[in-house]
N, C-alpha and C. Protein backbone atom coordinates (compact mmCIF):
# COMPACT_ATOMS: atom_id res chain seq x y z
N MET A 1 81.68 77.17 43.30
CA MET A 1 81.45 77.75 42.82
C MET A 1 81.90 79.69 43.21
N GLY A 2 82.83 79.85 42.54
CA GLY A 2 83.27 81.28 43.75
C GLY A 2 82.56 82.67 42.80
N VAL A 3 81.99 82.66 41.87
CA VAL A 3 81.20 83.87 41.17
C VAL A 3 79.94 83.24 40.71
N LEU A 4 78.96 84.39 40.88
CA LEU A 4 77.82 83.57 40.07
C LEU A 4 77.48 84.59 39.35
N TYR A 5 76.73 84.38 38.29
CA TYR A 5 77.08 85.25 36.80
C TYR A 5 75.49 84.88 36.56
N GLU A 6 74.69 85.42 35.85
CA GLU A 6 73.38 85.67 35.56
C GLU A 6 72.92 86.96 34.76
N LYS A 7 72.36 87.16 33.80
CA LYS A 7 72.11 88.14 32.77
C LYS A 7 70.28 88.47 32.73
N LYS A 8 69.69 89.42 32.74
CA LYS A 8 68.62 89.51 32.73
C LYS A 8 68.05 90.87 32.33
N ASN A 9 67.44 90.53 30.95
CA ASN A 9 67.11 92.77 30.40
C ASN A 9 68.32 93.42 29.91
N HIS A 10 69.50 92.73 29.42
CA HIS A 10 70.24 93.62 29.07
C HIS A 10 71.59 94.29 30.89
N ILE A 11 71.70 93.28 31.86
CA ILE A 11 72.09 94.01 32.42
C ILE A 11 72.28 92.13 33.55
N ALA A 12 73.90 92.37 33.52
CA ALA A 12 74.76 91.53 34.02
C ALA A 12 74.70 91.17 35.56
N TYR A 13 74.16 90.69 36.07
CA TYR A 13 74.31 90.42 37.68
C TYR A 13 76.00 89.28 37.55
N VAL A 14 76.80 90.19 38.20
CA VAL A 14 78.01 89.06 38.73
C VAL A 14 77.62 88.99 40.76
N THR A 15 77.59 88.06 40.99
CA THR A 15 77.66 88.26 42.47
C THR A 15 79.35 87.32 43.04
N ILE A 16 80.16 87.58 43.56
CA ILE A 16 81.49 87.05 44.22
C ILE A 16 80.60 86.10 45.71
N ASP A 17 80.61 84.59 45.68
CA ASP A 17 80.13 83.79 46.32
C ASP A 17 80.55 83.34 46.97
N ASN A 18 81.11 83.58 48.26
CA ASN A 18 82.04 83.56 49.32
C ASN A 18 82.13 83.66 50.91
N PRO A 19 80.72 83.86 51.20
CA PRO A 19 80.38 84.66 51.98
C PRO A 19 81.34 84.04 53.57
N ASP A 20 81.50 82.80 53.78
CA ASP A 20 82.01 82.47 54.97
C ASP A 20 83.25 82.97 55.47
N LYS A 21 83.77 83.47 54.50
CA LYS A 21 85.17 83.95 54.33
C LYS A 21 85.24 85.45 53.46
N GLY A 22 84.53 85.93 53.39
CA GLY A 22 84.50 87.44 53.72
C GLY A 22 83.75 87.64 52.15
N ASN A 23 84.13 87.23 51.17
CA ASN A 23 83.80 87.28 49.61
C ASN A 23 85.14 87.60 48.85
N ILE A 24 86.51 87.01 49.83
CA ILE A 24 87.44 87.22 49.15
C ILE A 24 88.20 86.39 47.90
N PHE A 25 88.88 87.16 47.47
CA PHE A 25 89.30 87.12 46.28
C PHE A 25 90.54 85.93 46.07
N ASP A 26 90.05 84.13 46.55
CA ASP A 26 91.27 83.44 45.94
C ASP A 26 91.23 83.07 44.50
N HIS A 27 92.32 81.91 44.31
CA HIS A 27 92.42 82.03 43.12
C HIS A 27 91.73 80.98 42.36
N GLN A 28 90.60 80.61 42.95
CA GLN A 28 89.67 80.01 41.85
C GLN A 28 88.21 81.18 41.55
N THR A 29 87.94 81.85 42.62
CA THR A 29 87.29 83.39 42.42
C THR A 29 88.16 84.12 41.34
N SER A 30 89.39 84.19 41.69
CA SER A 30 89.79 85.34 40.43
C SER A 30 90.03 85.15 39.07
N ASN A 31 90.12 83.59 39.06
CA ASN A 31 89.91 83.19 37.61
C ASN A 31 88.20 83.30 36.75
N GLU A 32 87.34 82.62 38.13
CA GLU A 32 85.88 82.97 38.11
C GLU A 32 85.66 84.14 37.15
N ILE A 33 86.27 85.33 37.91
CA ILE A 33 85.66 86.38 37.68
C ILE A 33 86.14 87.09 36.15
N SER A 34 87.72 86.03 36.29
CA SER A 34 88.29 86.80 35.14
C SER A 34 87.14 86.70 33.54
N GLU A 35 86.70 85.34 33.71
CA GLU A 35 86.41 84.30 32.84
C GLU A 35 84.74 85.50 32.71
N VAL A 36 84.30 85.99 33.56
CA VAL A 36 83.11 85.94 33.42
C VAL A 36 82.85 87.22 32.71
N TRP A 37 84.28 88.33 33.37
CA TRP A 37 84.34 89.74 32.44
C TRP A 37 84.50 89.65 31.34
N LYS A 38 85.91 88.63 30.81
CA LYS A 38 85.38 88.38 29.11
C LYS A 38 84.05 87.97 28.42
N GLU A 39 83.34 87.02 29.22
CA GLU A 39 82.40 86.93 28.91
C GLU A 39 81.35 88.46 28.85
N ILE A 40 81.78 89.27 29.45
CA ILE A 40 80.25 90.02 29.50
C ILE A 40 80.59 91.57 28.72
N TRP A 41 82.13 91.52 28.57
CA TRP A 41 82.68 92.42 27.63
C TRP A 41 82.28 91.69 26.07
N GLU A 42 82.49 90.96 25.76
CA GLU A 42 82.21 89.95 24.14
C GLU A 42 80.48 89.99 24.36
N ASP A 43 79.77 90.21 25.16
CA ASP A 43 78.07 90.31 24.70
C ASP A 43 77.39 91.26 24.65
N TRP A 44 77.21 91.58 23.30
CA TRP A 44 76.76 92.87 23.12
C TRP A 44 75.45 93.40 23.66
N ASP A 45 74.77 92.03 23.81
CA ASP A 45 73.11 92.76 24.53
C ASP A 45 73.62 93.23 26.00
N VAL A 46 74.62 92.77 26.48
CA VAL A 46 74.86 93.54 27.82
C VAL A 46 75.15 94.94 28.15
N ARG A 47 74.13 96.34 28.39
CA ARG A 47 75.17 97.21 28.43
C ARG A 47 75.19 97.76 29.73
N VAL A 48 74.68 97.24 31.12
CA VAL A 48 75.45 97.27 32.66
C VAL A 48 75.35 96.07 33.29
N ALA A 49 76.98 96.48 34.14
CA ALA A 49 76.87 95.19 34.90
C ALA A 49 76.92 95.49 36.49
N ILE A 50 76.47 94.96 36.80
CA ILE A 50 76.33 94.88 38.85
C ILE A 50 76.90 94.25 39.42
N LEU A 51 77.90 94.26 39.82
CA LEU A 51 78.54 93.64 40.76
C LEU A 51 78.43 93.62 42.40
N THR A 52 78.35 92.54 42.55
CA THR A 52 77.90 92.22 44.35
C THR A 52 78.63 91.23 44.75
N GLY A 53 78.18 91.19 46.20
CA GLY A 53 78.99 90.01 46.86
C GLY A 53 78.18 89.54 47.87
N SER A 54 78.02 87.60 47.81
CA SER A 54 76.95 86.96 48.63
C SER A 54 76.70 87.64 50.11
N GLY A 55 75.56 87.44 50.90
CA GLY A 55 75.76 87.28 52.26
C GLY A 55 75.66 88.92 53.06
N ASP A 56 75.67 88.69 54.59
CA ASP A 56 74.60 90.06 54.70
C ASP A 56 76.06 91.32 55.67
N ARG A 57 77.33 90.62 54.88
CA ARG A 57 78.25 91.12 56.14
C ARG A 57 79.41 91.60 55.34
N HIS A 58 79.46 91.44 53.87
CA HIS A 58 80.83 91.78 53.21
C HIS A 58 80.73 92.32 51.81
N PHE A 59 81.04 92.89 51.26
CA PHE A 59 80.65 92.87 49.06
C PHE A 59 82.06 92.06 49.01
N CYS A 60 83.43 92.57 49.81
CA CYS A 60 84.73 91.36 49.24
C CYS A 60 85.75 92.48 50.78
N ALA A 61 86.23 91.08 51.11
CA ALA A 61 87.47 91.44 51.67
C ALA A 61 88.92 91.47 51.54
N GLY A 62 88.83 91.80 49.85
CA GLY A 62 90.29 91.57 49.17
C GLY A 62 90.73 90.39 48.55
N HIS A 63 91.94 90.42 48.57
CA HIS A 63 92.69 89.53 48.15
C HIS A 63 92.94 88.32 49.68
N ASN A 64 92.75 86.82 48.94
CA ASN A 64 92.89 85.93 50.11
C ASN A 64 94.71 86.37 50.61
N LEU A 65 95.41 86.67 51.47
CA LEU A 65 96.32 86.73 52.28
C LEU A 65 97.28 85.17 52.22
N ALA A 66 96.48 84.35 53.19
CA ALA A 66 96.83 82.90 54.05
C ALA A 66 97.77 82.66 52.42
N PRO A 67 98.74 81.93 52.99
CA PRO A 67 99.90 81.23 51.91
C PRO A 67 99.09 80.02 51.44
N PRO A 68 99.49 80.00 50.41
CA PRO A 68 99.30 78.43 49.49
C PRO A 68 99.50 77.34 50.42
N PRO A 69 99.09 76.07 50.40
CA PRO A 69 99.42 75.13 51.39
C PRO A 69 100.62 75.09 50.41
N GLY A 70 101.66 73.97 51.78
CA GLY A 70 102.96 73.62 51.86
C GLY A 70 104.06 74.60 51.88
N VAL A 71 103.70 75.71 51.63
CA VAL A 71 104.39 77.13 52.22
C VAL A 71 104.75 77.06 53.79
N SER A 72 105.95 77.16 54.24
CA SER A 72 106.00 77.51 55.53
C SER A 72 106.20 78.51 56.03
N GLU A 73 106.10 78.44 57.63
CA GLU A 73 106.91 80.42 57.58
C GLU A 73 107.68 80.95 57.50
N ASP A 74 108.51 80.26 57.52
CA ASP A 74 110.09 80.31 57.17
C ASP A 74 110.18 80.54 55.10
N ASP A 75 109.36 80.13 54.82
CA ASP A 75 109.55 80.21 53.52
C ASP A 75 109.11 81.28 53.31
N ARG A 76 108.01 81.60 53.47
CA ARG A 76 106.88 82.99 53.28
C ARG A 76 107.97 84.09 53.20
N ASP A 77 109.27 84.33 54.62
CA ASP A 77 109.75 84.91 55.22
C ASP A 77 110.79 85.71 54.11
N GLU A 78 111.05 84.42 52.98
CA GLU A 78 112.50 84.91 52.56
C GLU A 78 112.68 85.41 51.42
N PRO A 79 113.17 86.59 50.95
CA PRO A 79 112.84 87.19 49.82
C PRO A 79 112.77 87.07 48.60
């Protein structure tokens, strides 16, 4: 799982959980966090959300820029 979600006392805690790769937003993590935000939005009991990252080095290194499996360097360079 790329995202952890917990709710306590009207507070939603969302943690990006991929510390080995700098908590990057890969496809799975992006989908999971989208679902968590929808859940938070629809939960009238949540008053605030805290977003954090696992580990002690990175909050989030951004989007995964690695090519998808099966895509060659030549394919990446084509317009």
